[in-house]
PDB file of N, CA and C in Angstrom:
ATOM      1  N   MET A   1      89.780 102.832 111.455  1.00  0.00           N
ATOM      2  CA  MET A   1      89.618 103.752 110.314  1.00  0.00           C
ATOM      3  C   MET A   1      88.936 103.023 109.148  1.00  0.00           C
ATOM      4  N   PHE A   2      88.037 103.712 108.465  1.00  0.00           N
ATOM      5  CA  PHE A   2      87.289 103.092 107.422  1.00  0.00           C
ATOM      6  C   PHE A   2      88.106 102.611 106.200  1.00  0.00           C
ATOM      7  N   LEU A   3      89.265 103.170 105.980  1.00  0.00           N
ATOM      8  CA  LEU A   3      90.071 102.861 104.842  1.00  0.00           C
ATOM      9  C   LEU A   3      90.767 101.481 104.893  1.00  0.00           C
ATOM     10  N   LYS A   4      90.666 100.804 106.020  1.00  0.00           N
ATOM     11  CA  LYS A   4      91.277  99.477 106.160  1.00  0.00           C
ATOM     12  C   LYS A   4      90.599  98.455 105.201  1.00  0.00           C
ATOM     13  N   SER A   5      89.352  98.676 104.902  1.00  0.00           N
ATOM     14  CA  SER A   5      88.684  97.717 104.003  1.00  0.00           C
ATOM     15  C   SER A   5      88.609  98.168 102.540  1.00  0.00           C
ATOM     16  N   GLU A   6      89.158  99.329 102.278  1.00  0.00           N
ATOM     17  CA  GLU A   6      89.107  99.930 100.919  1.00  0.00           C
ATOM     18  C   GLU A   6      90.145  99.240 100.043  1.00  0.00           C
ATOM     19  N   ARG A   7      89.839  99.166  98.750  1.00  0.00           N
ATOM     20  CA  ARG A   7      90.712  98.753  97.674  1.00  0.00           C
ATOM     21  C   ARG A   7      90.784  99.805  96.633  1.00  0.00           C
ATOM     22  N   ALA A   8      91.849  99.950  95.929  1.00  0.00           N
ATOM     23  CA  ALA A   8      92.034 100.947  94.889  1.00  0.00           C
ATOM     24  C   ALA A   8      92.107 100.254  93.520  1.00  0.00           C
ATOM     25  N   CYS A   9      91.337 100.727  92.630  1.00  0.00           N
ATOM     26  CA  CYS A   9      91.468 100.218  91.212  1.00  0.00           C
ATOM     27  C   CYS A   9      92.888 100.532  90.704  1.00  0.00           C
ATOM     28  N   LEU A  10      93.507  99.540  90.077  1.00  0.00           N
ATOM     29  CA  LEU A  10      94.898  99.670  89.631  1.00  0.00           C
ATOM     30  C   LEU A  10      94.922 100.518  88.280  1.00  0.00           C
ATOM     31  N   LEU A  11      93.803 100.738  87.662  1.00  0.00           N
ATOM     32  CA  LEU A  11      93.719 101.507  86.404  1.00  0.00           C
ATOM     33  C   LEU A  11      93.386 102.964  86.726  1.00  0.00           C
ATOM     34  N   CYS A  12      92.388 103.266  87.513  1.00  0.00           N
ATOM     35  CA  CYS A  12      92.015 104.645  87.737  1.00  0.00           C
ATOM     36  C   CYS A  12      92.315 105.140  89.162  1.00  0.00           C
ATOM     37  N   GLY A  13      92.466 104.249  90.138  1.00  0.00           N
ATOM     38  CA  GLY A  13      92.735 104.667  91.523  1.00  0.00           C
ATOM     39  C   GLY A  13      91.618 104.901  92.399  1.00  0.00           C
ATOM     40  N   ILE A  14      90.341 104.756  91.942  1.00  0.00           N
ATOM     41  CA  ILE A  14      89.206 105.039  92.803  1.00  0.00           C
ATOM     42  C   ILE A  14      89.141 104.011  93.921  1.00  0.00           C
ATOM     43  N   LEU A  15      88.747 104.519  95.120  1.00  0.00           N
ATOM     44  CA  LEU A  15      88.711 103.676  96.298  1.00  0.00           C
ATOM     45  C   LEU A  15      87.241 103.166  96.521  1.00  0.00           C
ATOM     46  N   ARG A  16      87.118 101.905  96.754  1.00  0.00           N
ATOM     47  CA  ARG A  16      85.866 101.223  97.108  1.00  0.00           C
ATOM     48  C   ARG A  16      86.134  99.999  97.905  1.00  0.00           C
ATOM     49  N   THR A  17      85.127  99.525  98.598  1.00  0.00           N
ATOM     50  CA  THR A  17      85.284  98.260  99.318  1.00  0.00           C
ATOM     51  C   THR A  17      85.197  97.113  98.270  1.00  0.00           C
ATOM     52  N   PHE A  18      85.677  95.959  98.692  1.00  0.00           N
ATOM     53  CA  PHE A  18      85.543  94.803  97.829  1.00  0.00           C
ATOM     54  C   PHE A  18      84.087  94.550  97.408  1.00  0.00           C
ATOM     55  N   ASP A  19      83.193  94.685  98.407  1.00  0.00           N
ATOM     56  CA  ASP A  19      81.819  94.447  98.112  1.00  0.00           C
ATOM     57  C   ASP A  19      81.229  95.440  97.102  1.00  0.00           C
ATOM     58  N   GLU A  20      81.692  96.725  97.173  1.00  0.00           N
ATOM     59  CA  GLU A  20      81.229  97.714  96.171  1.00  0.00           C
ATOM     60  C   GLU A  20      81.761  97.379  94.791  1.00  0.00           C
ATOM     61  N   PHE A  21      83.010  97.038  94.692  1.00  0.00           N
ATOM     62  CA  PHE A  21      83.515  96.564  93.382  1.00  0.00           C
ATOM     63  C   PHE A  21      82.723  95.398  92.873  1.00  0.00           C
ATOM     64  N   TYR A  22      82.410  94.436  93.734  1.00  0.00           N
ATOM     65  CA  TYR A  22      81.718  93.270  93.314  1.00  0.00           C
ATOM     66  C   TYR A  22      80.267  93.603  92.877  1.00  0.00           C
ATOM     67  N   ARG A  23      79.602  94.449  93.684  1.00  0.00           N
ATOM     68  CA  ARG A  23      78.193  94.745  93.398  1.00  0.00           C
ATOM     69  C   ARG A  23      78.079  95.755  92.159  1.00  0.00           C
ATOM     70  N   ASP A  24      78.891  96.737  92.091  1.00  0.00           N
ATOM     71  CA  ASP A  24      78.751  97.771  91.118  1.00  0.00           C
ATOM     72  C   ASP A  24      79.856  97.906  90.066  1.00  0.00           C
ATOM     73  N   GLY A  25      80.962  97.275  90.298  1.00  0.00           N
ATOM     74  CA  GLY A  25      82.153  97.375  89.452  1.00  0.00           C
ATOM     75  C   GLY A  25      82.870  98.727  89.684  1.00  0.00           C
ATOM     76  N   CYS A  26      83.716  99.107  88.827  1.00  0.00           N
ATOM     77  CA  CYS A  26      84.410 100.402  88.911  1.00  0.00           C
ATOM     78  C   CYS A  26      83.672 101.408  88.027  1.00  0.00           C
ATOM     79  N   PRO A  27      83.293 102.601  88.590  1.00  0.00           N
ATOM     80  CA  PRO A  27      82.541 103.544  87.794  1.00  0.00           C
ATOM     81  C   PRO A  27      83.314 104.087  86.585  1.00  0.00           C
ATOM     82  N   ASN A  28      84.582 103.959  86.588  1.00  0.00           N
ATOM     83  CA  ASN A  28      85.400 104.470  85.494  1.00  0.00           C
ATOM     84  C   ASN A  28      85.878 103.418  84.490  1.00  0.00           C
ATOM     85  N   CYS A  29      86.139 102.196  85.025  1.00  0.00           N
ATOM     86  CA  CYS A  29      86.882 101.178  84.273  1.00  0.00           C
ATOM     87  C   CYS A  29      86.130  99.866  84.028  1.00  0.00           C
ATOM     88  N   ASP A  30      84.924  99.747  84.541  1.00  0.00           N
ATOM     89  CA  ASP A  30      84.289  98.441  84.441  1.00  0.00           C
ATOM     90  C   ASP A  30      84.048  97.923  83.024  1.00  0.00           C
ATOM     91  N   SER A  31      83.965  98.850  82.063  1.00  0.00           N
ATOM     92  CA  SER A  31      83.743  98.448  80.662  1.00  0.00           C
ATOM     93  C   SER A  31      84.966  97.647  80.108  1.00  0.00           C
ATOM     94  N   VAL A  32      86.174  97.944  80.683  1.00  0.00           N
ATOM     95  CA  VAL A  32      87.378  97.271  80.227  1.00  0.00           C
ATOM     96  C   VAL A  32      87.902  96.244  81.245  1.00  0.00           C
ATOM     97  N   LEU A  33      87.688  96.436  82.535  1.00  0.00           N
ATOM     98  CA  LEU A  33      88.202  95.515  83.526  1.00  0.00           C
ATOM     99  C   LEU A  33      87.226  94.465  83.992  1.00  0.00           C
ATOM    100  N   ARG A  34      85.934  94.755  83.840  1.00  0.00           N
ATOM    101  CA  ARG A  34      84.869  93.806  84.154  1.00  0.00           C
ATOM    102  C   ARG A  34      84.988  93.277  85.620  1.00  0.00           C
ATOM    103  N   LEU A  35      84.975  94.245  86.555  1.00  0.00           N
ATOM    104  CA  LEU A  35      85.077  93.923  87.984  1.00  0.00           C
ATOM    105  C   LEU A  35      83.764  93.395  88.619  1.00  0.00           C
ATOM    106  N   GLN A  36      82.643  93.925  88.104  1.00  0.00           N
ATOM    107  CA  GLN A  36      81.388  93.589  88.690  1.00  0.00           C
ATOM    108  C   GLN A  36      81.121  92.132  88.640  1.00  0.00           C
ATOM    109  N   SER A  37      80.787  91.609  89.820  1.00  0.00           N
ATOM    110  CA  SER A  37      80.480  90.136  89.955  1.00  0.00           C
ATOM    111  C   SER A  37      81.620  89.214  89.685  1.00  0.00           C
ATOM    112  N   SER A  38      82.885  89.680  89.737  1.00  0.00           N
ATOM    113  CA  SER A  38      84.090  88.793  89.458  1.00  0.00           C
ATOM    114  C   SER A  38      85.103  88.935  90.526  1.00  0.00           C
ATOM    115  N   GLU A  39      85.073  88.050  91.484  1.00  0.00           N
ATOM    116  CA  GLU A  39      86.133  88.055  92.560  1.00  0.00           C
ATOM    117  C   GLU A  39      87.516  87.965  91.967  1.00  0.00           C
ATOM    118  N   GLU A  40      87.671  87.158  90.976  1.00  0.00           N
ATOM    119  CA  GLU A  40      89.031  87.009  90.350  1.00  0.00           C
ATOM    120  C   GLU A  40      89.546  88.300  89.769  1.00  0.00           C
ATOM    121  N   ASN A  41      88.702  88.996  89.043  1.00  0.00           N
ATOM    122  CA  ASN A  41      89.107  90.290  88.419  1.00  0.00           C
ATOM    123  C   ASN A  41      89.340  91.342  89.509  1.00  0.00           C
ATOM    124  N   ILE A  42      88.561  91.338  90.571  1.00  0.00           N
ATOM    125  CA  ILE A  42      88.748  92.313  91.630  1.00  0.00           C
ATOM    126  C   ILE A  42      90.077  92.108  92.278  1.00  0.00           C
ATOM    127  N   HIS A  43      90.435  90.900  92.583  1.00  0.00           N
ATOM    128  CA  HIS A  43      91.740  90.587  93.174  1.00  0.00           C
ATOM    129  C   HIS A  43      92.923  90.915  92.187  1.00  0.00           C
ATOM    130  N   ALA A  44      92.681  90.694  90.930  1.00  0.00           N
ATOM    131  CA  ALA A  44      93.740  91.003  89.970  1.00  0.00           C
ATOM    132  C   ALA A  44      93.868  92.468  89.598  1.00  0.00           C
ATOM    133  N   CYS A  45      92.798  93.243  89.690  1.00  0.00           N
ATOM    134  CA  CYS A  45      92.805  94.603  89.164  1.00  0.00           C
ATOM    135  C   CYS A  45      92.608  95.681  90.207  1.00  0.00           C
ATOM    136  N   THR A  46      92.591  95.272  91.485  1.00  0.00           N
ATOM    137  CA  THR A  46      92.549  96.266  92.585  1.00  0.00           C
ATOM    138  C   THR A  46      93.623  95.936  93.638  1.00  0.00           C
ATOM    139  N   SER A  47      93.900  96.878  94.458  1.00  0.00           N
ATOM    140  CA  SER A  47      94.966  96.675  95.530  1.00  0.00           C
ATOM    141  C   SER A  47      94.482  97.236  96.822  1.00  0.00           C
ATOM    142  N   PRO A  48      94.745  96.534  97.915  1.00  0.00           N
ATOM    143  CA  PRO A  48      94.423  97.069  99.227  1.00  0.00           C
ATOM    144  C   PRO A  48      95.559  98.011  99.771  1.00  0.00           C
ATOM    145  N   SER A  49      96.575  98.131  98.952  1.00  0.00           N
ATOM    146  CA  SER A  49      97.757  98.922  99.393  1.00  0.00           C
ATOM    147  C   SER A  49      97.853 100.206  98.513  1.00  0.00           C
ATOM    148  N   PHE A  50      97.717 101.327  99.157  1.00  0.00           N
ATOM    149  CA  PHE A  50      97.757 102.587  98.455  1.00  0.00           C
ATOM    150  C   PHE A  50      98.195 103.781  99.385  1.00  0.00           C
ATOM    151  N   GLU A  51      98.643 104.842  98.772  1.00  0.00           N
ATOM    152  CA  GLU A  51      99.105 105.986  99.567  1.00  0.00           C
ATOM    153  C   GLU A  51      98.443 107.269  99.065  1.00  0.00           C
ATOM    154  N   GLY A  52      98.187 108.183 100.003  1.00  0.00           N
ATOM    155  CA  GLY A  52      97.605 109.440  99.666  1.00  0.00           C
ATOM    156  C   GLY A  52      96.171 109.369  99.193  1.00  0.00           C
ATOM    157  N   LEU A  53      95.409 110.440  99.440  1.00  0.00           N
ATOM    158  CA  LEU A  53      94.026 110.470  99.074  1.00  0.00           C
ATOM    159  C   LEU A  53      93.753 111.781  98.390  1.00  0.00           C
ATOM    160  N   SER A  54      92.819 111.714  97.445  1.00  0.00           N
ATOM    161  CA  SER A  54      92.339 112.941  96.802  1.00  0.00           C
ATOM    162  C   SER A  54      90.851 112.781  96.586  1.00  0.00           C
ATOM    163  N   ALA A  55      90.089 113.671  97.138  1.00  0.00           N
ATOM    164  CA  ALA A  55      88.634 113.709  96.993  1.00  0.00           C
ATOM    165  C   ALA A  55      88.233 114.597  95.834  1.00  0.00           C
ATOM    166  N   LEU A  56      87.605 114.039  94.854  1.00  0.00           N
ATOM    167  CA  LEU A  56      87.242 114.840  93.645  1.00  0.00           C
ATOM    168  C   LEU A  56      85.740 114.926  93.547  1.00  0.00           C
ATOM    169  N   SER A  57      85.236 116.154  93.673  1.00  0.00           N
ATOM    170  CA  SER A  57      83.831 116.366  93.528  1.00  0.00           C
ATOM    171  C   SER A  57      83.486 116.928  92.123  1.00  0.00           C
ATOM    172  N   SER A  58      84.374 117.655  91.508  1.00  0.00           N
ATOM    173  CA  SER A  58      84.174 118.153  90.191  1.00  0.00           C
ATOM    174  C   SER A  58      85.422 117.935  89.410  1.00  0.00           C
ATOM    175  N   PRO A  59      85.720 116.634  89.040  1.00  0.00           N
ATOM    176  CA  PRO A  59      87.030 116.319  88.400  1.00  0.00           C
ATOM    177  C   PRO A  59      87.394 117.201  87.146  1.00  0.00           C
ATOM    178  N   SER A  60      86.379 117.515  86.373  1.00  0.00           N
ATOM    179  CA  SER A  60      86.746 118.301  85.136  1.00  0.00           C
ATOM    180  C   SER A  60      87.153 119.740  85.405  1.00  0.00           C
ATOM    181  N   LYS A  61      86.874 120.238  86.582  1.00  0.00           N
ATOM    182  CA  LYS A  61      87.231 121.589  86.953  1.00  0.00           C
ATOM    183  C   LYS A  61      88.421 121.655  87.933  1.00  0.00           C
ATOM    184  N   SER A  62      88.926 120.504  88.312  1.00  0.00           N
ATOM    185  CA  SER A  62      89.974 120.469  89.411  1.00  0.00           C
ATOM    186  C   SER A  62      91.386 120.414  88.780  1.00  0.00           C
ATOM    187  N   TRP A  63      92.225 121.317  89.222  1.00  0.00           N
ATOM    188  CA  TRP A  63      93.632 121.275  88.791  1.00  0.00           C
ATOM    189  C   TRP A  63      94.330 120.046  89.342  1.00  0.00           C
ATOM    190  N   VAL A  64      93.921 119.568  90.573  1.00  0.00           N
ATOM    191  CA  VAL A  64      94.449 118.346  91.145  1.00  0.00           C
ATOM    192  C   VAL A  64      94.113 117.152  90.252  1.00  0.00           C
ATOM    193  N   ALA A  65      92.838 117.069  89.866  1.00  0.00           N
ATOM    194  CA  ALA A  65      92.437 115.971  88.986  1.00  0.00           C
ATOM    195  C   ALA A  65      93.181 115.966  87.653  1.00  0.00           C
ATOM    196  N   GLN A  66      93.437 117.202  87.126  1.00  0.00           N
ATOM    197  CA  GLN A  66      94.212 117.296  85.904  1.00  0.00           C
ATOM    198  C   GLN A  66      95.676 116.864  86.133  1.00  0.00           C
ATOM    199  N   TRP A  67      96.217 117.198  87.213  1.00  0.00           N
ATOM    200  CA  TRP A  67      97.603 116.808  87.563  1.00  0.00           C
ATOM    201  C   TRP A  67      97.717 115.293  87.743  1.00  0.00           C
ATOM    202  N   MET A  68      96.687 114.705  88.343  1.00  0.00           N
ATOM    203  CA  MET A  68      96.688 113.248  88.574  1.00  0.00           C
ATOM    204  C   MET A  68      96.145 112.470  87.365  1.00  0.00           C
ATOM    205  N   ARG A  69      95.724 113.209  86.341  1.00  0.00           N
ATOM    206  CA  ARG A  69      95.110 112.605  85.130  1.00  0.00           C
ATOM    207  C   ARG A  69      93.786 111.952  85.470  1.00  0.00           C
ATOM    208  N   ASP A  70      93.026 112.468  86.411  1.00  0.00           N
ATOM    209  CA  ASP A  70      91.769 111.967  86.832  1.00  0.00           C
ATOM    210  C   ASP A  70      90.588 112.857  86.433  1.00  0.00           C
ATOM    211  N   ASP A  71      90.820 113.839  85.544  1.00  0.00           N
ATOM    212  CA  ASP A  71      89.779 114.793  85.270  1.00  0.00           C
ATOM    213  C   ASP A  71      88.689 114.267  84.383  1.00  0.00           C
ATOM    214  N   LYS A  72      88.824 113.076  83.814  1.00  0.00           N
ATOM    215  CA  LYS A  72      87.741 112.496  83.044  1.00  0.00           C
ATOM    216  C   LYS A  72      86.968 111.428  83.843  1.00  0.00           C
ATOM    217  N   PHE A  73      87.365 111.226  85.123  1.00  0.00           N
ATOM    218  CA  PHE A  73      86.750 110.228  85.928  1.00  0.00           C
ATOM    219  C   PHE A  73      85.516 110.717  86.679  1.00  0.00           C
ATOM    220  N   GLN A  74      84.823 109.777  87.314  1.00  0.00           N
ATOM    221  CA  GLN A  74      83.664 110.070  88.090  1.00  0.00           C
ATOM    222  C   GLN A  74      84.108 110.707  89.466  1.00  0.00           C
ATOM    223  N   PRO A  75      83.268 111.516  90.047  1.00  0.00           N
ATOM    224  CA  PRO A  75      83.597 112.061  91.410  1.00  0.00           C
ATOM    225  C   PRO A  75      83.779 110.913  92.357  1.00  0.00           C
ATOM    226  N   GLY A  76      84.656 111.099  93.294  1.00  0.00           N
ATOM    227  CA  GLY A  76      84.907 110.025  94.268  1.00  0.00           C
ATOM    228  C   GLY A  76      86.180 110.297  95.068  1.00  0.00           C
ATOM    229  N   LEU A  77      86.547 109.307  95.839  1.00  0.00           N
ATOM    230  CA  LEU A  77      87.830 109.313  96.602  1.00  0.00           C
ATOM    231  C   LEU A  77      88.847 108.491  95.858  1.00  0.00           C
ATOM    232  N   TYR A  78      90.004 109.048  95.608  1.00  0.00           N
ATOM    233  CA  TYR A  78      91.050 108.416  94.778  1.00  0.00           C
ATOM    234  C   TYR A  78      92.386 108.296  95.548  1.00  0.00           C
ATOM    235  N   ALA A  79      93.068 107.228  95.268  1.00  0.00           N
ATOM    236  CA  ALA A  79      94.424 107.026  95.835  1.00  0.00           C
ATOM    237  C   ALA A  79      95.385 107.831  94.964  1.00  0.00           C
ATOM    238  N   VAL A  80      96.379 108.435  95.537  1.00  0.00           N
ATOM    239  CA  VAL A  80      97.411 109.118  94.775  1.00  0.00           C
ATOM    240  C   VAL A  80      98.371 108.143  94.102  1.00  0.00           C
ATOM    241  N   GLN A  81      98.798 107.130  94.901  1.00  0.00           N
ATOM    242  CA  GLN A  81      99.602 106.005  94.375  1.00  0.00           C
ATOM    243  C   GLN A  81      98.969 104.682  94.859  1.00  0.00           C
ATOM    244  N   VAL A  82      99.006 103.719  93.914  1.00  0.00           N
ATOM    245  CA  VAL A  82      98.470 102.415  94.250  1.00  0.00           C
ATOM    246  C   VAL A  82      99.585 101.414  94.021  1.00  0.00           C
ATOM    247  N   LYS A  83      99.872 100.614  95.051  1.00  0.00           N
ATOM    248  CA  LYS A  83     100.928  99.557  94.936  1.00  0.00           C
ATOM    249  C   LYS A  83     100.418  98.378  94.196  1.00  0.00           C
ATOM    250  N   GLY A  84     101.130  97.964  93.250  1.00  0.00           N
ATOM    251  CA  GLY A  84     100.771  96.814  92.410  1.00  0.00           C
ATOM    252  C   GLY A  84     100.601  97.205  90.978  1.00  0.00           C
ATOM    253  N   ARG A  85     100.541  96.207  90.123  1.00  0.00           N
ATOM    254  CA  ARG A  85     100.391  96.421  88.682  1.00  0.00           C
ATOM    255  C   ARG A  85      99.368  95.405  88.168  1.00  0.00           C
ATOM    256  N   LEU A  86      98.691  95.888  87.060  1.00  0.00           N
ATOM    257  CA  LEU A  86      97.778  94.940  86.397  1.00  0.00           C
ATOM    258  C   LEU A  86      98.595  93.734  85.786  1.00  0.00           C
ATOM    259  N   PRO A  87      97.993  92.578  85.801  1.00  0.00           N
ATOM    260  CA  PRO A  87      98.629  91.404  85.178  1.00  0.00           C
ATOM    261  C   PRO A  87      98.838  91.645  83.648  1.00  0.00           C
ATOM    262  N   ASP A  88      99.893  91.056  83.083  1.00  0.00           N
ATOM    263  CA  ASP A  88     100.245  91.259  81.688  1.00  0.00           C
ATOM    264  C   ASP A  88      99.135  90.954  80.741  1.00  0.00           C
ATOM    265  N   GLU A  89      98.346  89.876  81.020  1.00  0.00           N
ATOM    266  CA  GLU A  89      97.236  89.529  80.115  1.00  0.00           C
ATOM    267  C   GLU A  89      96.116  90.556  80.076  1.00  0.00           C
ATOM    268  N   ILE A  90      95.976  91.255  81.205  1.00  0.00           N
ATOM    269  CA  ILE A  90      94.958  92.352  81.264  1.00  0.00           C
ATOM    270  C   ILE A  90      95.543  93.596  80.532  1.00  0.00           C
ATOM    271  N   ILE A  91      96.786  93.838  80.685  1.00  0.00           N
ATOM    272  CA  ILE A  91      97.449  94.972  79.973  1.00  0.00           C
ATOM    273  C   ILE A  91      97.316  94.747  78.484  1.00  0.00           C
ATOM    274  N   GLN A  92      97.543  93.524  78.001  1.00  0.00           N
ATOM    275  CA  GLN A  92      97.428  93.192  76.574  1.00  0.00           C
ATOM    276  C   GLN A  92      95.994  93.379  76.089  1.00  0.00           C
ATOM    277  N   SER A  93      95.060  92.960  76.955  1.00  0.00           N
ATOM    278  CA  SER A  93      93.596  93.137  76.589  1.00  0.00           C
ATOM    279  C   SER A  93      93.258  94.665  76.508  1.00  0.00           C
ATOM    280  N   LEU A  94      93.805  95.457  77.393  1.00  0.00           N
ATOM    281  CA  LEU A  94      93.559  96.857  77.372  1.00  0.00           C
ATOM    282  C   LEU A  94      94.134  97.494  76.025  1.00  0.00           C
ATOM    283  N   ARG A  95      95.344  97.094  75.704  1.00  0.00           N
ATOM    284  CA  ARG A  95      95.973  97.550  74.464  1.00  0.00           C
ATOM    285  C   ARG A  95      95.080  97.226  73.259  1.00  0.00           C
ATOM    286  N   SER A  96      94.528  96.005  73.224  1.00  0.00           N
ATOM    287  CA  SER A  96      93.652  95.643  72.081  1.00  0.00           C
ATOM    288  C   SER A  96      92.394  96.434  72.010  1.00  0.00           C
ATOM    289  N   GLN A  97      92.054  97.083  73.167  1.00  0.00           N
ATOM    290  CA  GLN A  97      90.861  97.935  73.221  1.00  0.00           C
ATOM    291  C   GLN A  97      91.222  99.400  73.134  1.00  0.00           C
ATOM    292  N   SER A  98      92.519  99.625  72.766  1.00  0.00           N
ATOM    293  CA  SER A  98      93.056 101.013  72.623  1.00  0.00           C
ATOM    294  C   SER A  98      92.998 101.766  73.969  1.00  0.00           C
ATOM    295  N   VAL A  99      93.192 101.094  75.082  1.00  0.00           N
ATOM    296  CA  VAL A  99      93.257 101.735  76.390  1.00  0.00           C
ATOM    297  C   VAL A  99      94.702 101.690  76.879  1.00  0.00           C
ATOM    298  N   TYR A 100      95.265 102.931  77.139  1.00  0.00           N
ATOM    299  CA  TYR A 100      96.646 103.041  77.593  1.00  0.00           C
ATOM    300  C   TYR A 100      96.693 102.850  79.112  1.00  0.00           C
ATOM    301  N   TYR A 101      97.513 101.965  79.568  1.00  0.00           N
ATOM    302  CA  TYR A 101      97.696 101.679  81.009  1.00  0.00           C
ATOM    303  C   TYR A 101      98.907 102.433  81.474  1.00  0.00           C
ATOM    304  N   ARG A 102      98.740 103.346  82.442  1.00  0.00           N
ATOM    305  CA  ARG A 102      99.865 103.988  83.066  1.00  0.00           C
ATOM    306  C   ARG A 102      99.829 103.587  84.526  1.00  0.00           C
ATOM    307  N   PRO A 103     100.849 102.789  85.003  1.00  0.00           N
ATOM    308  CA  PRO A 103     100.841 102.298  86.356  1.00  0.00           C
ATOM    309  C   PRO A 103     100.719 103.464  87.382  1.00  0.00           C
ATOM    310  N   ARG A 104      99.964 103.293  88.423  1.00  0.00           N
ATOM    311  CA  ARG A 104      99.751 104.300  89.406  1.00  0.00           C
ATOM    312  C   ARG A 104     100.683 104.097  90.635  1.00  0.00           C
ATOM    313  N   ASP A 105     101.690 103.331  90.437  1.00  0.00           N
ATOM    314  CA  ASP A 105     102.613 103.011  91.615  1.00  0.00           C
ATOM    315  C   ASP A 105     103.768 103.992  91.792  1.00  0.00           C
ATOM    316  N   GLY A 106     103.830 105.000  90.984  1.00  0.00           N
ATOM    317  CA  GLY A 106     104.904 106.043  91.043  1.00  0.00           C
ATOM    318  C   GLY A 106     106.123 105.642  90.202  1.00  0.00           C
ATOM    319  N   SER A 107     106.102 104.566  89.493  1.00  0.00           N
ATOM    320  CA  SER A 107     107.283 104.172  88.737  1.00  0.00           C
ATOM    321  C   SER A 107     107.412 104.868  87.449  1.00  0.00           C
ATOM    322  N   VAL A 108     106.345 105.406  86.890  1.00  0.00           N
ATOM    323  CA  VAL A 108     106.367 106.131  85.604  1.00  0.00           C
ATOM    324  C   VAL A 108     106.642 107.585  85.938  1.00  0.00           C
ATOM    325  N   GLN A 109     107.738 108.098  85.335  1.00  0.00           N
ATOM    326  CA  GLN A 109     108.094 109.497  85.517  1.00  0.00           C
ATOM    327  C   GLN A 109     107.769 110.233  84.256  1.00  0.00           C
ATOM    328  N   ASP A 110     107.123 111.449  84.444  1.00  0.00           N
ATOM    329  CA  ASP A 110     106.791 112.263  83.334  1.00  0.00           C
ATOM    330  C   ASP A 110     107.905 113.189  82.874  1.00  0.00           C
TER     331      ASP A 110
END
């Protein structure tokens, strides 16, 4: 199955291969996570362990995307839950950039 090599971004949940993250970064989060060309950041900010899939072709019009809080993201294949959390130093960096981190591991209840 092709998903064996996929990784999920810990911030937005988009699925890509390691090579895609390395070559292109994250289409939603690269301005804050800087994954492009950084093996260290890819390992720290993505996870190979995730559950559920959601394919979003028109995120701004999708009730599923709104429910998952993905309606502002780029079209793509997203994980519903991603196991793992961003490192504390990256969370602090996000806060300093006024980016709110909501873990995608299911631990945050609305």
